[in-house]
Amino acid sequence: MPHTLGNLVEWELFDQLKEFSVTDCIECGCCTYVCPADRNMVQFIRQGKAHVMAAGGK
């Protein structure tokens, strides 16, 4: 659900990212490649991961 992760980061709902297992993403870039809206999903996921890790969670 990369679009959900991207939306959560955009809306700054970082506490919900852990529920959606943002840290499980391997950042392969497939979601960015196939995104019809041409959104850079990997960048959003990286930001989300950084927030989760800074908060001390996996």
PDB file of N, CA and C in Angstrom:
ATOM      1  N   MET A   1       0.808  -1.174   0.000  1.00  0.00           N
ATOM      2  CA  MET A   1       0.000   0.000   0.000  1.00  0.00           C
ATOM      3  C   MET A   1       0.867   1.259   0.000  1.00  0.00           C
ATOM      4  N   PRO A   2       1.694   1.427  -0.999  1.00  0.00           N
ATOM      5  CA  PRO A   2       2.574   2.599  -1.000  1.00  0.00           C
ATOM      6  C   PRO A   2       1.815   3.918  -1.049  1.00  0.00           C
ATOM      7  N   HIS A   3       0.661   3.936  -1.711  1.00  0.00           N
ATOM      8  CA  HIS A   3      -0.095   5.185  -1.754  1.00  0.00           C
ATOM      9  C   HIS A   3      -0.568   5.588  -0.361  1.00  0.00           C
ATOM     10  N   THR A   4      -0.920   4.625   0.460  1.00  0.00           N
ATOM     11  CA  THR A   4      -1.338   4.916   1.832  1.00  0.00           C
ATOM     12  C   THR A   4      -0.165   5.458   2.634  1.00  0.00           C
ATOM     13  N   LEU A   5       0.986   4.834   2.483  1.00  0.00           N
ATOM     14  CA  LEU A   5       2.173   5.315   3.190  1.00  0.00           C
ATOM     15  C   LEU A   5       2.516   6.739   2.768  1.00  0.00           C
ATOM     16  N   GLY A   6       2.456   6.992   1.468  1.00  0.00           N
ATOM     17  CA  GLY A   6       2.741   8.332   0.962  1.00  0.00           C
ATOM     18  C   GLY A   6       1.770   9.361   1.500  1.00  0.00           C
ATOM     19  N   ASN A   7       0.496   8.998   1.549  1.00  0.00           N
ATOM     20  CA  ASN A   7      -0.505   9.920   2.077  1.00  0.00           C
ATOM     21  C   ASN A   7      -0.280  10.200   3.558  1.00  0.00           C
ATOM     22  N   LEU A   8       0.045   9.178   4.322  1.00  0.00           N
ATOM     23  CA  LEU A   8       0.289   9.372   5.750  1.00  0.00           C
ATOM     24  C   LEU A   8       1.462  10.310   5.989  1.00  0.00           C
ATOM     25  N   VAL A   9       2.497  10.202   5.180  1.00  0.00           N
ATOM     26  CA  VAL A   9       3.652  11.095   5.313  1.00  0.00           C
ATOM     27  C   VAL A   9       3.248  12.518   4.917  1.00  0.00           C
ATOM     28  N   GLU A  10       2.540  12.650   3.805  1.00  0.00           N
ATOM     29  CA  GLU A  10       2.107  13.984   3.362  1.00  0.00           C
ATOM     30  C   GLU A  10       1.223  14.655   4.404  1.00  0.00           C
ATOM     31  N   TRP A  11       0.338  13.899   5.026  1.00  0.00           N
ATOM     32  CA  TRP A  11      -0.576  14.446   6.020  1.00  0.00           C
ATOM     33  C   TRP A  11       0.040  14.480   7.415  1.00  0.00           C
ATOM     34  N   GLU A  12       1.313  14.097   7.515  1.00  0.00           N
ATOM     35  CA  GLU A  12       2.078  14.098   8.767  1.00  0.00           C
ATOM     36  C   GLU A  12       1.419  13.266   9.863  1.00  0.00           C
ATOM     37  N   LEU A  13       0.894  12.118   9.483  1.00  0.00           N
ATOM     38  CA  LEU A  13       0.307  11.166  10.435  1.00  0.00           C
ATOM     39  C   LEU A  13       1.328  10.062  10.717  1.00  0.00           C
ATOM     40  N   PHE A  14       2.449  10.474  11.259  1.00  0.00           N
ATOM     41  CA  PHE A  14       3.584   9.574  11.427  1.00  0.00           C
ATOM     42  C   PHE A  14       3.311   8.445  12.410  1.00  0.00           C
ATOM     43  N   ASP A  15       2.430   8.665  13.367  1.00  0.00           N
ATOM     44  CA  ASP A  15       2.129   7.611  14.339  1.00  0.00           C
ATOM     45  C   ASP A  15       1.443   6.415  13.686  1.00  0.00           C
ATOM     46  N   GLN A  16       0.754   6.619  12.580  1.00  0.00           N
ATOM     47  CA  GLN A  16       0.071   5.526  11.894  1.00  0.00           C
ATOM     48  C   GLN A  16       0.991   4.740  10.958  1.00  0.00           C
ATOM     49  N   LEU A  17       2.142   5.298  10.636  1.00  0.00           N
ATOM     50  CA  LEU A  17       3.065   4.610   9.731  1.00  0.00           C
ATOM     51  C   LEU A  17       3.530   3.270  10.280  1.00  0.00           C
ATOM     52  N   LYS A  18       3.711   3.198  11.566  1.00  0.00           N
ATOM     53  CA  LYS A  18       4.162   1.949  12.179  1.00  0.00           C
ATOM     54  C   LYS A  18       3.113   0.858  12.008  1.00  0.00           C
ATOM     55  N   GLU A  19       1.836   1.237  12.096  1.00  0.00           N
ATOM     56  CA  GLU A  19       0.746   0.270  11.903  1.00  0.00           C
ATOM     57  C   GLU A  19       0.773  -0.329  10.501  1.00  0.00           C
ATOM     58  N   PHE A  20       1.187   0.458   9.526  1.00  0.00           N
ATOM     59  CA  PHE A  20       1.219   0.014   8.140  1.00  0.00           C
ATOM     60  C   PHE A  20       2.581  -0.557   7.739  1.00  0.00           C
ATOM     61  N   SER A  21       3.444  -0.798   8.707  1.00  0.00           N
ATOM     62  CA  SER A  21       4.754  -1.448   8.517  1.00  0.00           C
ATOM     63  C   SER A  21       5.615  -0.756   7.471  1.00  0.00           C
ATOM     64  N   VAL A  22       5.779   0.531   7.626  1.00  0.00           N
ATOM     65  CA  VAL A  22       6.574   1.297   6.667  1.00  0.00           C
ATOM     66  C   VAL A  22       8.021   0.797   6.607  1.00  0.00           C
ATOM     67  N   THR A  23       8.517   0.257   7.705  1.00  0.00           N
ATOM     68  CA  THR A  23       9.907  -0.202   7.730  1.00  0.00           C
ATOM     69  C   THR A  23      10.126  -1.495   6.952  1.00  0.00           C
ATOM     70  N   ASP A  24       9.052  -2.161   6.547  1.00  0.00           N
ATOM     71  CA  ASP A  24       9.186  -3.384   5.760  1.00  0.00           C
ATOM     72  C   ASP A  24       9.485  -3.107   4.285  1.00  0.00           C
ATOM     73  N   CYS A  25       9.282  -1.886   3.853  1.00  0.00           N
ATOM     74  CA  CYS A  25       9.529  -1.528   2.450  1.00  0.00           C
ATOM     75  C   CYS A  25      11.030  -1.610   2.164  1.00  0.00           C
ATOM     76  N   ILE A  26      11.389  -2.215   1.029  1.00  0.00           N
ATOM     77  CA  ILE A  26      12.804  -2.338   0.660  1.00  0.00           C
ATOM     78  C   ILE A  26      13.238  -1.246  -0.311  1.00  0.00           C
ATOM     79  N   GLU A  27      12.333  -0.296  -0.584  1.00  0.00           N
ATOM     80  CA  GLU A  27      12.626   0.868  -1.423  1.00  0.00           C
ATOM     81  C   GLU A  27      13.129   0.478  -2.809  1.00  0.00           C
ATOM     82  N   CYS A  28      12.448  -0.467  -3.435  1.00  0.00           N
ATOM     83  CA  CYS A  28      12.856  -0.931  -4.762  1.00  0.00           C
ATOM     84  C   CYS A  28      12.499   0.069  -5.860  1.00  0.00           C
ATOM     85  N   GLY A  29      11.485   0.895  -5.617  1.00  0.00           N
ATOM     86  CA  GLY A  29      11.107   1.914  -6.585  1.00  0.00           C
ATOM     87  C   GLY A  29      10.010   1.515  -7.548  1.00  0.00           C
ATOM     88  N   CYS A  30       9.506   0.297  -7.440  1.00  0.00           N
ATOM     89  CA  CYS A  30       8.433  -0.150  -8.338  1.00  0.00           C
ATOM     90  C   CYS A  30       7.208   0.743  -8.223  1.00  0.00           C
ATOM     91  N   CYS A  31       6.865   1.143  -7.019  1.00  0.00           N
ATOM     92  CA  CYS A  31       5.664   1.962  -6.820  1.00  0.00           C
ATOM     93  C   CYS A  31       5.811   3.320  -7.495  1.00  0.00           C
ATOM     94  N   THR A  32       7.004   3.882  -7.454  1.00  0.00           N
ATOM     95  CA  THR A  32       7.238   5.158  -8.116  1.00  0.00           C
ATOM     96  C   THR A  32       7.162   4.994  -9.620  1.00  0.00           C
ATOM     97  N   TYR A  33       7.689   3.899 -10.117  1.00  0.00           N
ATOM     98  CA  TYR A  33       7.705   3.643 -11.561  1.00  0.00           C
ATOM     99  C   TYR A  33       6.301   3.489 -12.140  1.00  0.00           C
ATOM    100  N   VAL A  34       5.423   2.797 -11.424  1.00  0.00           N
ATOM    101  CA  VAL A  34       4.086   2.523 -11.954  1.00  0.00           C
ATOM    102  C   VAL A  34       3.034   3.540 -11.511  1.00  0.00           C
ATOM    103  N   CYS A  35       3.381   4.506 -10.704  1.00  0.00           N
ATOM    104  CA  CYS A  35       2.416   5.469 -10.189  1.00  0.00           C
ATOM    105  C   CYS A  35       1.829   6.315 -11.324  1.00  0.00           C
ATOM    106  N   PRO A  36       0.510   6.225 -11.545  1.00  0.00           N
ATOM    107  CA  PRO A  36      -0.097   7.003 -12.623  1.00  0.00           C
ATOM    108  C   PRO A  36      -0.096   8.507 -12.335  1.00  0.00           C
ATOM    109  N   ALA A  37       0.025   8.885 -11.078  1.00  0.00           N
ATOM    110  CA  ALA A  37       0.061  10.299 -10.714  1.00  0.00           C
ATOM    111  C   ALA A  37       1.481  10.857 -10.740  1.00  0.00           C
ATOM    112  N   ASP A  38       2.456  10.005 -11.073  1.00  0.00           N
ATOM    113  CA  ASP A  38       3.866  10.411 -11.155  1.00  0.00           C
ATOM    114  C   ASP A  38       4.383  10.976  -9.825  1.00  0.00           C
ATOM    115  N   ARG A  39       3.977  10.336  -8.726  1.00  0.00           N
ATOM    116  CA  ARG A  39       4.449  10.742  -7.401  1.00  0.00           C
ATOM    117  C   ARG A  39       5.712   9.963  -7.056  1.00  0.00           C
ATOM    118  N   ASN A  40       6.612  10.587  -6.380  1.00  0.00           N
ATOM    119  CA  ASN A  40       7.844   9.931  -5.956  1.00  0.00           C
ATOM    120  C   ASN A  40       7.585   9.221  -4.629  1.00  0.00           C
ATOM    121  N   MET A  41       6.990   8.049  -4.727  1.00  0.00           N
ATOM    122  CA  MET A  41       6.569   7.315  -3.537  1.00  0.00           C
ATOM    123  C   MET A  41       7.742   6.903  -2.660  1.00  0.00           C
ATOM    124  N   VAL A  42       8.859   6.557  -3.266  1.00  0.00           N
ATOM    125  CA  VAL A  42      10.022   6.120  -2.481  1.00  0.00           C
ATOM    126  C   VAL A  42      10.492   7.238  -1.560  1.00  0.00           C
ATOM    127  N   GLN A  43      10.447   8.470  -2.031  1.00  0.00           N
ATOM    128  CA  GLN A  43      10.866   9.596  -1.204  1.00  0.00           C
ATOM    129  C   GLN A  43       9.957   9.732   0.016  1.00  0.00           C
ATOM    130  N   PHE A  44       8.655   9.590  -0.187  1.00  0.00           N
ATOM    131  CA  PHE A  44       7.717   9.655   0.935  1.00  0.00           C
ATOM    132  C   PHE A  44       7.998   8.528   1.926  1.00  0.00           C
ATOM    133  N   ILE A  45       8.228   7.339   1.416  1.00  0.00           N
ATOM    134  CA  ILE A  45       8.476   6.191   2.286  1.00  0.00           C
ATOM    135  C   ILE A  45       9.781   6.369   3.065  1.00  0.00           C
ATOM    136  N   ARG A  46      10.785   6.907   2.443  1.00  0.00           N
ATOM    137  CA  ARG A  46      12.051   7.178   3.149  1.00  0.00           C
ATOM    138  C   ARG A  46      11.836   8.168   4.286  1.00  0.00           C
ATOM    139  N   GLN A  47      11.067   9.218   4.016  1.00  0.00           N
ATOM    140  CA  GLN A  47      10.772  10.197   5.064  1.00  0.00           C
ATOM    141  C   GLN A  47      10.009   9.542   6.213  1.00  0.00           C
ATOM    142  N   GLY A  48       9.045   8.707   5.865  1.00  0.00           N
ATOM    143  CA  GLY A  48       8.273   8.008   6.891  1.00  0.00           C
ATOM    144  C   GLY A  48       9.135   7.091   7.733  1.00  0.00           C
ATOM    145  N   LYS A  49      10.015   6.367   7.074  1.00  0.00           N
ATOM    146  CA  LYS A  49      10.924   5.477   7.801  1.00  0.00           C
ATOM    147  C   LYS A  49      11.799   6.268   8.766  1.00  0.00           C
ATOM    148  N   ALA A  50      12.287   7.399   8.318  1.00  0.00           N
ATOM    149  CA  ALA A  50      13.143   8.237   9.159  1.00  0.00           C
ATOM    150  C   ALA A  50      12.402   8.690  10.408  1.00  0.00           C
ATOM    151  N   HIS A  51      11.149   9.082  10.260  1.00  0.00           N
ATOM    152  CA  HIS A  51      10.356   9.508  11.414  1.00  0.00           C
ATOM    153  C   HIS A  51      10.103   8.362  12.384  1.00  0.00           C
ATOM    154  N   VAL A  52       9.785   7.197  11.841  1.00  0.00           N
ATOM    155  CA  VAL A  52       9.529   6.031  12.705  1.00  0.00           C
ATOM    156  C   VAL A  52      10.806   5.637  13.441  1.00  0.00           C
ATOM    157  N   MET A  53      11.913   5.611  12.748  1.00  0.00           N
ATOM    158  CA  MET A  53      13.171   5.209  13.376  1.00  0.00           C
ATOM    159  C   MET A  53      13.623   6.251  14.420  1.00  0.00           C
ATOM    160  N   ALA A  54      13.390   7.539  14.124  1.00  0.00           N
ATOM    161  CA  ALA A  54      13.758   8.592  15.080  1.00  0.00           C
ATOM    162  C   ALA A  54      12.923   8.493  16.346  1.00  0.00           C
ATOM    163  N   ALA A  55      11.687   8.016  16.201  1.00  0.00           N
ATOM    164  CA  ALA A  55      10.815   7.841  17.357  1.00  0.00           C
ATOM    165  C   ALA A  55      11.153   6.581  18.141  1.00  0.00           C
ATOM    166  N   GLY A  56      12.104   5.800  17.629  1.00  0.00           N
ATOM    167  CA  GLY A  56      12.559   4.612  18.345  1.00  0.00           C
ATOM    168  C   GLY A  56      11.762   3.354  18.061  1.00  0.00           C
ATOM    169  N   GLY A  57      11.088   3.324  16.932  1.00  0.00           N
ATOM    170  CA  GLY A  57      10.297   2.144  16.621  1.00  0.00           C
ATOM    171  C   GLY A  57      10.762   1.459  15.369  1.00  0.00           C
ATOM    172  N   LYS A  58      10.397   0.193  15.266  1.00  0.00           N
ATOM    173  CA  LYS A  58      10.714  -0.537  14.035  1.00  0.00           C
ATOM    174  C   LYS A  58       9.454  -0.753  13.261  1.00  0.00           C
TER     175      LYS A  58
END
